[in-house]
Amino acid sequence: MKKSQKELQKEHDEAVVKREQYQHQCQRLENRIRYYTEGERKKRNHRLITRGADVESVAPEVHGMSQAAFRILVEQIFSLPEVSDLVRQVTDQQEGR
């Protein structure tokens, strides 16, 4: 069964429209993925910045420290048994234990 040129043109046009719809749908899904992944990154960045600001407000001396010196200080502080106990206690309170 042969199709007329008009029918073939109609099928072609419908296929082009369908292809464009799928392309737009794919783009929307990619945008959604990017939105959620960037959103998580932005939340993490905000949390890190605000916590860093909190540390500097409590101990302004750390402002001039290098990254390496600050990391050593933090590791020493959090290795103290009193600090570990306090962190555990606050975490338990927050979780309602």
PDB file of N, CA and C in Angstrom:
ATOM      1  N   MET A   1       0.841  -1.171   0.000  1.00  0.00           N
ATOM      2  CA  MET A   1       0.000   0.000   0.000  1.00  0.00           C
ATOM      3  C   MET A   1       0.888   1.237   0.000  1.00  0.00           C
ATOM      4  N   LYS A   2       0.795   2.015  -1.029  1.00  0.00           N
ATOM      5  CA  LYS A   2       1.596   3.222  -1.141  1.00  0.00           C
ATOM      6  C   LYS A   2       0.867   4.384  -0.488  1.00  0.00           C
ATOM      7  N   LYS A   3       1.671   5.224   0.169  1.00  0.00           N
ATOM      8  CA  LYS A   3       1.100   6.413   0.791  1.00  0.00           C
ATOM      9  C   LYS A   3       1.362   7.600  -0.134  1.00  0.00           C
ATOM     10  N   SER A   4       0.437   8.493  -0.109  1.00  0.00           N
ATOM     11  CA  SER A   4       0.609   9.685  -0.946  1.00  0.00           C
ATOM     12  C   SER A   4       1.635  10.608  -0.298  1.00  0.00           C
ATOM     13  N   GLN A   5       2.107  11.524  -1.102  1.00  0.00           N
ATOM     14  CA  GLN A   5       3.102  12.482  -0.602  1.00  0.00           C
ATOM     15  C   GLN A   5       2.524  13.307   0.540  1.00  0.00           C
ATOM     16  N   LYS A   6       1.250  13.616   0.449  1.00  0.00           N
ATOM     17  CA  LYS A   6       0.574  14.397   1.494  1.00  0.00           C
ATOM     18  C   LYS A   6       0.573  13.627   2.822  1.00  0.00           C
ATOM     19  N   GLU A   7       0.272  12.338   2.751  1.00  0.00           N
ATOM     20  CA  GLU A   7       0.261  11.507   3.964  1.00  0.00           C
ATOM     21  C   GLU A   7       1.666  11.382   4.549  1.00  0.00           C
ATOM     22  N   LEU A   8       2.645  11.193   3.682  1.00  0.00           N
ATOM     23  CA  LEU A   8       4.030  11.094   4.146  1.00  0.00           C
ATOM     24  C   LEU A   8       4.482  12.402   4.797  1.00  0.00           C
ATOM     25  N   GLN A   9       4.099  13.520   4.207  1.00  0.00           N
ATOM     26  CA  GLN A   9       4.460  14.833   4.766  1.00  0.00           C
ATOM     27  C   GLN A   9       3.809  15.014   6.134  1.00  0.00           C
ATOM     28  N   LYS A  10       2.563  14.572   6.251  1.00  0.00           N
ATOM     29  CA  LYS A  10       1.850  14.677   7.527  1.00  0.00           C
ATOM     30  C   LYS A  10       2.550  13.830   8.592  1.00  0.00           C
ATOM     31  N   GLU A  11       2.933  12.605   8.256  1.00  0.00           N
ATOM     32  CA  GLU A  11       3.647  11.730   9.191  1.00  0.00           C
ATOM     33  C   GLU A  11       4.989  12.356   9.591  1.00  0.00           C
ATOM     34  N   HIS A  12       5.657  12.941   8.620  1.00  0.00           N
ATOM     35  CA  HIS A  12       6.945  13.594   8.890  1.00  0.00           C
ATOM     36  C   HIS A  12       6.760  14.749   9.874  1.00  0.00           C
ATOM     37  N   ASP A  13       5.769  15.583   9.617  1.00  0.00           N
ATOM     38  CA  ASP A  13       5.503  16.735  10.489  1.00  0.00           C
ATOM     39  C   ASP A  13       5.161  16.289  11.913  1.00  0.00           C
ATOM     40  N   GLU A  14       4.352  15.230  12.001  1.00  0.00           N
ATOM     41  CA  GLU A  14       3.996  14.705  13.330  1.00  0.00           C
ATOM     42  C   GLU A  14       5.219  14.160  14.050  1.00  0.00           C
ATOM     43  N   ALA A  15       6.092  13.485  13.300  1.00  0.00           N
ATOM     44  CA  ALA A  15       7.317  12.944  13.899  1.00  0.00           C
ATOM     45  C   ALA A  15       8.228  14.058  14.381  1.00  0.00           C
ATOM     46  N   VAL A  16       8.308  15.140  13.612  1.00  0.00           N
ATOM     47  CA  VAL A  16       9.143  16.285  14.007  1.00  0.00           C
ATOM     48  C   VAL A  16       8.589  16.905  15.289  1.00  0.00           C
ATOM     49  N   VAL A  17       7.290  17.071  15.366  1.00  0.00           N
ATOM     50  CA  VAL A  17       6.660  17.641  16.566  1.00  0.00           C
ATOM     51  C   VAL A  17       6.921  16.732  17.766  1.00  0.00           C
ATOM     52  N   LYS A  18       6.778  15.437  17.574  1.00  0.00           N
ATOM     53  CA  LYS A  18       6.996  14.472  18.653  1.00  0.00           C
ATOM     54  C   LYS A  18       8.453  14.532  19.131  1.00  0.00           C
ATOM     55  N   ARG A  19       9.379  14.602  18.169  1.00  0.00           N
ATOM     56  CA  ARG A  19      10.799  14.693  18.518  1.00  0.00           C
ATOM     57  C   ARG A  19      11.075  15.949  19.350  1.00  0.00           C
ATOM     58  N   GLU A  20      10.500  17.073  18.946  1.00  0.00           N
ATOM     59  CA  GLU A  20      10.688  18.317  19.690  1.00  0.00           C
ATOM     60  C   GLU A  20      10.103  18.205  21.095  1.00  0.00           C
ATOM     61  N   GLN A  21       8.957  17.545  21.207  1.00  0.00           N
ATOM     62  CA  GLN A  21       8.360  17.349  22.538  1.00  0.00           C
ATOM     63  C   GLN A  21       9.274  16.531  23.430  1.00  0.00           C
ATOM     64  N   TYR A  22       9.853  15.467  22.882  1.00  0.00           N
ATOM     65  CA  TYR A  22      10.774  14.638  23.662  1.00  0.00           C
ATOM     66  C   TYR A  22      12.036  15.409  24.034  1.00  0.00           C
ATOM     67  N   GLN A  23      12.511  16.238  23.129  1.00  0.00           N
ATOM     68  CA  GLN A  23      13.687  17.050  23.439  1.00  0.00           C
ATOM     69  C   GLN A  23      13.399  18.021  24.580  1.00  0.00           C
ATOM     70  N   HIS A  24      12.228  18.655  24.541  1.00  0.00           N
ATOM     71  CA  HIS A  24      11.846  19.581  25.609  1.00  0.00           C
ATOM     72  C   HIS A  24      11.665  18.844  26.938  1.00  0.00           C
ATOM     73  N   GLN A  25      11.061  17.668  26.863  1.00  0.00           N
ATOM     74  CA  GLN A  25      10.869  16.867  28.070  1.00  0.00           C
ATOM     75  C   GLN A  25      12.221  16.484  28.664  1.00  0.00           C
ATOM     76  N   CYS A  26      13.142  16.078  27.824  1.00  0.00           N
ATOM     77  CA  CYS A  26      14.489  15.723  28.269  1.00  0.00           C
ATOM     78  C   CYS A  26      15.178  16.930  28.906  1.00  0.00           C
ATOM     79  N   GLN A  27      15.045  18.087  28.291  1.00  0.00           N
ATOM     80  CA  GLN A  27      15.651  19.309  28.826  1.00  0.00           C
ATOM     81  C   GLN A  27      15.056  19.648  30.191  1.00  0.00           C
ATOM     82  N   ARG A  28      13.735  19.496  30.333  1.00  0.00           N
ATOM     83  CA  ARG A  28      13.097  19.760  31.629  1.00  0.00           C
ATOM     84  C   ARG A  28      13.639  18.825  32.703  1.00  0.00           C
ATOM     85  N   LEU A  29      13.804  17.555  32.361  1.00  0.00           N
ATOM     86  CA  LEU A  29      14.338  16.596  33.336  1.00  0.00           C
ATOM     87  C   LEU A  29      15.781  16.924  33.708  1.00  0.00           C
ATOM     88  N   GLU A  30      16.582  17.300  32.722  1.00  0.00           N
ATOM     89  CA  GLU A  30      17.969  17.698  33.013  1.00  0.00           C
ATOM     90  C   GLU A  30      18.001  18.938  33.893  1.00  0.00           C
ATOM     91  N   ASN A  31      17.116  19.885  33.631  1.00  0.00           N
ATOM     92  CA  ASN A  31      17.037  21.090  34.464  1.00  0.00           C
ATOM     93  C   ASN A  31      16.647  20.741  35.899  1.00  0.00           C
ATOM     94  N   ARG A  32      15.714  19.801  36.043  1.00  0.00           N
ATOM     95  CA  ARG A  32      15.282  19.392  37.380  1.00  0.00           C
ATOM     96  C   ARG A  32      16.427  18.731  38.143  1.00  0.00           C
ATOM     97  N   ILE A  33      17.168  17.870  37.452  1.00  0.00           N
ATOM     98  CA  ILE A  33      18.327  17.220  38.084  1.00  0.00           C
ATOM     99  C   ILE A  33      19.328  18.270  38.539  1.00  0.00           C
ATOM    100  N   ARG A  34      19.629  19.214  37.658  1.00  0.00           N
ATOM    101  CA  ARG A  34      20.588  20.271  37.991  1.00  0.00           C
ATOM    102  C   ARG A  34      20.078  21.120  39.168  1.00  0.00           C
ATOM    103  N   TYR A  35      18.777  21.419  39.185  1.00  0.00           N
ATOM    104  CA  TYR A  35      18.190  22.207  40.260  1.00  0.00           C
ATOM    105  C   TYR A  35      18.379  21.510  41.609  1.00  0.00           C
ATOM    106  N   TYR A  36      18.092  20.211  41.653  1.00  0.00           N
ATOM    107  CA  TYR A  36      18.207  19.495  42.917  1.00  0.00           C
ATOM    108  C   TYR A  36      19.653  19.316  43.342  1.00  0.00           C
ATOM    109  N   THR A  37      20.545  19.008  42.418  1.00  0.00           N
ATOM    110  CA  THR A  37      21.947  18.823  42.800  1.00  0.00           C
ATOM    111  C   THR A  37      22.580  20.145  43.201  1.00  0.00           C
ATOM    112  N   GLU A  38      22.278  21.219  42.487  1.00  0.00           N
ATOM    113  CA  GLU A  38      22.822  22.521  42.863  1.00  0.00           C
ATOM    114  C   GLU A  38      22.185  23.006  44.151  1.00  0.00           C
ATOM    115  N   GLY A  39      20.917  22.678  44.347  1.00  0.00           N
ATOM    116  CA  GLY A  39      20.239  23.081  45.582  1.00  0.00           C
ATOM    117  C   GLY A  39      20.909  22.466  46.793  1.00  0.00           C
ATOM    118  N   GLU A  40      21.270  21.188  46.701  1.00  0.00           N
ATOM    119  CA  GLU A  40      21.960  20.528  47.810  1.00  0.00           C
ATOM    120  C   GLU A  40      23.331  21.161  48.035  1.00  0.00           C
ATOM    121  N   ARG A  41      24.022  21.476  46.950  1.00  0.00           N
ATOM    122  CA  ARG A  41      25.330  22.106  47.074  1.00  0.00           C
ATOM    123  C   ARG A  41      25.196  23.481  47.725  1.00  0.00           C
ATOM    124  N   LYS A  42      24.185  24.234  47.335  1.00  0.00           N
ATOM    125  CA  LYS A  42      23.981  25.563  47.905  1.00  0.00           C
ATOM    126  C   LYS A  42      23.653  25.473  49.401  1.00  0.00           C
ATOM    127  N   LYS A  43      22.835  24.491  49.767  1.00  0.00           N
ATOM    128  CA  LYS A  43      22.508  24.303  51.190  1.00  0.00           C
ATOM    129  C   LYS A  43      23.764  23.970  51.987  1.00  0.00           C
ATOM    130  N   ARG A  44      24.593  23.088  51.438  1.00  0.00           N
ATOM    131  CA  ARG A  44      25.830  22.704  52.122  1.00  0.00           C
ATOM    132  C   ARG A  44      26.759  23.911  52.247  1.00  0.00           C
ATOM    133  N   ASN A  45      26.920  24.665  51.168  1.00  0.00           N
ATOM    134  CA  ASN A  45      27.767  25.861  51.212  1.00  0.00           C
ATOM    135  C   ASN A  45      27.272  26.840  52.255  1.00  0.00           C
ATOM    136  N   HIS A  46      25.976  27.056  52.302  1.00  0.00           N
ATOM    137  CA  HIS A  46      25.409  27.987  53.285  1.00  0.00           C
ATOM    138  C   HIS A  46      25.689  27.507  54.704  1.00  0.00           C
ATOM    139  N   ARG A  47      25.496  26.207  54.936  1.00  0.00           N
ATOM    140  CA  ARG A  47      25.743  25.652  56.265  1.00  0.00           C
ATOM    141  C   ARG A  47      27.207  25.827  56.662  1.00  0.00           C
ATOM    142  N   LEU A  48      28.130  25.540  55.745  1.00  0.00           N
ATOM    143  CA  LEU A  48      29.556  25.671  56.051  1.00  0.00           C
ATOM    144  C   LEU A  48      29.936  27.119  56.330  1.00  0.00           C
ATOM    145  N   ILE A  49      29.397  28.028  55.548  1.00  0.00           N
ATOM    146  CA  ILE A  49      29.715  29.444  55.734  1.00  0.00           C
ATOM    147  C   ILE A  49      29.187  29.946  57.069  1.00  0.00           C
ATOM    148  N   THR A  50      27.950  29.609  57.399  1.00  0.00           N
ATOM    149  CA  THR A  50      27.388  30.109  58.653  1.00  0.00           C
ATOM    150  C   THR A  50      28.095  29.494  59.859  1.00  0.00           C
ATOM    151  N   ARG A  51      28.485  28.234  59.779  1.00  0.00           N
ATOM    152  CA  ARG A  51      29.205  27.622  60.897  1.00  0.00           C
ATOM    153  C   ARG A  51      30.591  28.225  61.044  1.00  0.00           C
ATOM    154  N   GLY A  52      31.238  28.492  59.919  1.00  0.00           N
ATOM    155  CA  GLY A  52      32.543  29.162  59.965  1.00  0.00           C
ATOM    156  C   GLY A  52      32.422  30.548  60.582  1.00  0.00           C
ATOM    157  N   ALA A  53      31.364  31.260  60.233  1.00  0.00           N
ATOM    158  CA  ALA A  53      31.122  32.587  60.803  1.00  0.00           C
ATOM    159  C   ALA A  53      30.855  32.479  62.300  1.00  0.00           C
ATOM    160  N   ASP A  54      30.138  31.436  62.712  1.00  0.00           N
ATOM    161  CA  ASP A  54      29.884  31.235  64.141  1.00  0.00           C
ATOM    162  C   ASP A  54      31.191  31.002  64.895  1.00  0.00           C
ATOM    163  N   VAL A  55      32.077  30.194  64.320  1.00  0.00           N
ATOM    164  CA  VAL A  55      33.362  29.932  64.967  1.00  0.00           C
ATOM    165  C   VAL A  55      34.145  31.235  65.102  1.00  0.00           C
ATOM    166  N   GLU A  56      34.194  32.031  64.035  1.00  0.00           N
ATOM    167  CA  GLU A  56      34.926  33.297  64.086  1.00  0.00           C
ATOM    168  C   GLU A  56      34.304  34.283  65.064  1.00  0.00           C
ATOM    169  N   SER A  57      32.992  34.231  65.249  1.00  0.00           N
ATOM    170  CA  SER A  57      32.369  35.156  66.200  1.00  0.00           C
ATOM    171  C   SER A  57      32.681  34.762  67.640  1.00  0.00           C
ATOM    172  N   VAL A  58      32.842  33.458  67.903  1.00  0.00           N
ATOM    173  CA  VAL A  58      33.159  32.978  69.242  1.00  0.00           C
ATOM    174  C   VAL A  58      34.661  33.098  69.525  1.00  0.00           C
ATOM    175  N   ALA A  59      35.471  32.845  68.512  1.00  0.00           N
ATOM    176  CA  ALA A  59      36.934  32.895  68.667  1.00  0.00           C
ATOM    177  C   ALA A  59      37.525  33.723  67.516  1.00  0.00           C
ATOM    178  N   PRO A  60      37.495  35.045  67.633  1.00  0.00           N
ATOM    179  CA  PRO A  60      37.977  35.908  66.550  1.00  0.00           C
ATOM    180  C   PRO A  60      39.445  35.678  66.181  1.00  0.00           C
ATOM    181  N   GLU A  61      40.203  35.052  67.071  1.00  0.00           N
ATOM    182  CA  GLU A  61      41.618  34.797  66.807  1.00  0.00           C
ATOM    183  C   GLU A  61      41.827  33.869  65.607  1.00  0.00           C
ATOM    184  N   VAL A  62      40.858  33.036  65.293  1.00  0.00           N
ATOM    185  CA  VAL A  62      41.021  32.089  64.195  1.00  0.00           C
ATOM    186  C   VAL A  62      40.951  32.767  62.833  1.00  0.00           C
ATOM    187  N   HIS A  63      40.502  33.997  62.792  1.00  0.00           N
ATOM    188  CA  HIS A  63      40.342  34.703  61.524  1.00  0.00           C
ATOM    189  C   HIS A  63      41.641  34.764  60.733  1.00  0.00           C
ATOM    190  N   GLY A  64      42.755  34.992  61.405  1.00  0.00           N
ATOM    191  CA  GLY A  64      44.031  35.124  60.717  1.00  0.00           C
ATOM    192  C   GLY A  64      44.772  33.815  60.496  1.00  0.00           C
ATOM    193  N   MET A  65      44.213  32.710  60.946  1.00  0.00           N
ATOM    194  CA  MET A  65      44.896  31.414  60.823  1.00  0.00           C
ATOM    195  C   MET A  65      44.861  30.891  59.396  1.00  0.00           C
ATOM    196  N   SER A  66      45.895  30.137  59.059  1.00  0.00           N
ATOM    197  CA  SER A  66      45.873  29.445  57.772  1.00  0.00           C
ATOM    198  C   SER A  66      44.889  28.285  57.876  1.00  0.00           C
ATOM    199  N   GLN A  67      44.524  27.753  56.738  1.00  0.00           N
ATOM    200  CA  GLN A  67      43.601  26.616  56.712  1.00  0.00           C
ATOM    201  C   GLN A  67      44.200  25.421  57.447  1.00  0.00           C
ATOM    202  N   ALA A  68      45.495  25.182  57.229  1.00  0.00           N
ATOM    203  CA  ALA A  68      46.162  24.034  57.860  1.00  0.00           C
ATOM    204  C   ALA A  68      46.184  24.192  59.379  1.00  0.00           C
ATOM    205  N   ALA A  69      46.532  25.397  59.849  1.00  0.00           N
ATOM    206  CA  ALA A  69      46.580  25.640  61.294  1.00  0.00           C
ATOM    207  C   ALA A  69      45.191  25.506  61.910  1.00  0.00           C
ATOM    208  N   PHE A  70      44.185  26.021  61.231  1.00  0.00           N
ATOM    209  CA  PHE A  70      42.817  25.930  61.741  1.00  0.00           C
ATOM    210  C   PHE A  70      42.372  24.476  61.827  1.00  0.00           C
ATOM    211  N   ARG A  71      42.704  23.690  60.814  1.00  0.00           N
ATOM    212  CA  ARG A  71      42.311  22.276  60.817  1.00  0.00           C
ATOM    213  C   ARG A  71      42.981  21.530  61.966  1.00  0.00           C
ATOM    214  N   ILE A  72      44.267  21.809  62.205  1.00  0.00           N
ATOM    215  CA  ILE A  72      44.977  21.169  63.320  1.00  0.00           C
ATOM    216  C   ILE A  72      44.313  21.544  64.637  1.00  0.00           C
ATOM    217  N   LEU A  73      43.973  22.826  64.790  1.00  0.00           N
ATOM    218  CA  LEU A  73      43.308  23.287  66.011  1.00  0.00           C
ATOM    219  C   LEU A  73      41.977  22.552  66.215  1.00  0.00           C
ATOM    220  N   VAL A  74      41.185  22.486  65.178  1.00  0.00           N
ATOM    221  CA  VAL A  74      39.871  21.837  65.283  1.00  0.00           C
ATOM    222  C   VAL A  74      40.023  20.353  65.608  1.00  0.00           C
ATOM    223  N   GLU A  75      40.990  19.698  64.964  1.00  0.00           N
ATOM    224  CA  GLU A  75      41.213  18.279  65.253  1.00  0.00           C
ATOM    225  C   GLU A  75      41.627  18.082  66.709  1.00  0.00           C
ATOM    226  N   GLN A  76      42.467  18.965  67.228  1.00  0.00           N
ATOM    227  CA  GLN A  76      42.882  18.858  68.633  1.00  0.00           C
ATOM    228  C   GLN A  76      41.710  19.112  69.574  1.00  0.00           C
ATOM    229  N   ILE A  77      40.912  20.115  69.258  1.00  0.00           N
ATOM    230  CA  ILE A  77      39.756  20.425  70.105  1.00  0.00           C
ATOM    231  C   ILE A  77      38.789  19.244  70.148  1.00  0.00           C
ATOM    232  N   PHE A  78      38.468  18.679  68.995  1.00  0.00           N
ATOM    233  CA  PHE A  78      37.479  17.598  68.945  1.00  0.00           C
ATOM    234  C   PHE A  78      38.027  16.259  69.397  1.00  0.00           C
ATOM    235  N   SER A  79      39.325  16.176  69.615  1.00  0.00           N
ATOM    236  CA  SER A  79      39.882  14.934  70.159  1.00  0.00           C
ATOM    237  C   SER A  79      39.864  14.940  71.687  1.00  0.00           C
ATOM    238  N   LEU A  80      39.571  16.084  72.304  1.00  0.00           N
ATOM    239  CA  LEU A  80      39.469  16.152  73.765  1.00  0.00           C
ATOM    240  C   LEU A  80      38.240  15.368  74.226  1.00  0.00           C
ATOM    241  N   PRO A  81      38.397  14.528  75.257  1.00  0.00           N
ATOM    242  CA  PRO A  81      37.259  13.723  75.720  1.00  0.00           C
ATOM    243  C   PRO A  81      36.065  14.574  76.154  1.00  0.00           C
ATOM    244  N   GLU A  82      36.342  15.711  76.780  1.00  0.00           N
ATOM    245  CA  GLU A  82      35.236  16.569  77.236  1.00  0.00           C
ATOM    246  C   GLU A  82      34.417  17.078  76.053  1.00  0.00           C
ATOM    247  N   VAL A  83      35.113  17.429  74.993  1.00  0.00           N
ATOM    248  CA  VAL A  83      34.424  17.941  73.807  1.00  0.00           C
ATOM    249  C   VAL A  83      33.643  16.820  73.140  1.00  0.00           C
ATOM    250  N   SER A  84      34.243  15.648  73.014  1.00  0.00           N
ATOM    251  CA  SER A  84      33.532  14.507  72.424  1.00  0.00           C
ATOM    252  C   SER A  84      32.261  14.194  73.207  1.00  0.00           C
ATOM    253  N   ASP A  85      32.362  14.214  74.551  1.00  0.00           N
ATOM    254  CA  ASP A  85      31.184  13.956  75.385  1.00  0.00           C
ATOM    255  C   ASP A  85      30.122  15.032  75.185  1.00  0.00           C
ATOM    256  N   LEU A  86      30.552  16.276  75.109  1.00  0.00           N
ATOM    257  CA  LEU A  86      29.611  17.381  74.926  1.00  0.00           C
ATOM    258  C   LEU A  86      28.911  17.296  73.565  1.00  0.00           C
ATOM    259  N   VAL A  87      29.668  16.980  72.527  1.00  0.00           N
ATOM    260  CA  VAL A  87      29.075  16.839  71.192  1.00  0.00           C
ATOM    261  C   VAL A  87      28.052  15.704  71.199  1.00  0.00           C
ATOM    262  N   ARG A  88      28.403  14.589  71.790  1.00  0.00           N
ATOM    263  CA  ARG A  88      27.478  13.454  71.875  1.00  0.00           C
ATOM    264  C   ARG A  88      26.227  13.840  72.652  1.00  0.00           C
ATOM    265  N   GLN A  89      26.408  14.555  73.758  1.00  0.00           N
ATOM    266  CA  GLN A  89      25.280  14.963  74.591  1.00  0.00           C
ATOM    267  C   GLN A  89      24.328  15.885  73.810  1.00  0.00           C
ATOM    268  N   VAL A  90      24.881  16.866  73.135  1.00  0.00           N
ATOM    269  CA  VAL A  90      24.036  17.806  72.369  1.00  0.00           C
ATOM    270  C   VAL A  90      23.342  17.073  71.214  1.00  0.00           C
ATOM    271  N   THR A  91      24.052  16.180  70.552  1.00  0.00           N
ATOM    272  CA  THR A  91      23.469  15.409  69.459  1.00  0.00           C
ATOM    273  C   THR A  91      22.323  14.545  69.965  1.00  0.00           C
ATOM    274  N   ASP A  92      22.513  13.898  71.109  1.00  0.00           N
ATOM    275  CA  ASP A  92      21.456  13.068  71.693  1.00  0.00           C
ATOM    276  C   ASP A  92      20.245  13.916  72.051  1.00  0.00           C
ATOM    277  N   GLN A  93      20.475  15.102  72.617  1.00  0.00           N
ATOM    278  CA  GLN A  93      19.368  15.979  72.987  1.00  0.00           C
ATOM    279  C   GLN A  93      18.587  16.397  71.749  1.00  0.00           C
ATOM    280  N   GLN A  94      19.319  16.689  70.694  1.00  0.00           N
ATOM    281  CA  GLN A  94      18.665  17.144  69.464  1.00  0.00           C
ATOM    282  C   GLN A  94      17.845  16.024  68.832  1.00  0.00           C
ATOM    283  N   GLU A  95      18.309  14.796  68.964  1.00  0.00           N
ATOM    284  CA  GLU A  95      17.583  13.651  68.404  1.00  0.00           C
ATOM    285  C   GLU A  95      16.502  13.137  69.341  1.00  0.00           C
ATOM    286  N   GLY A  96      16.420  13.717  70.536  1.00  0.00           N
ATOM    287  CA  GLY A  96      15.371  13.350  71.466  1.00  0.00           C
ATOM    288  C   GLY A  96      15.609  12.054  72.210  1.00  0.00           C
ATOM    289  N   ARG A  97      16.842  11.685  72.435  1.00  0.00           N
ATOM    290  CA  ARG A  97      17.149  10.435  73.158  1.00  0.00           C
ATOM    291  C   ARG A  97      17.079  10.630  74.644  1.00  0.00           C
TER     292      ARG A  97
END
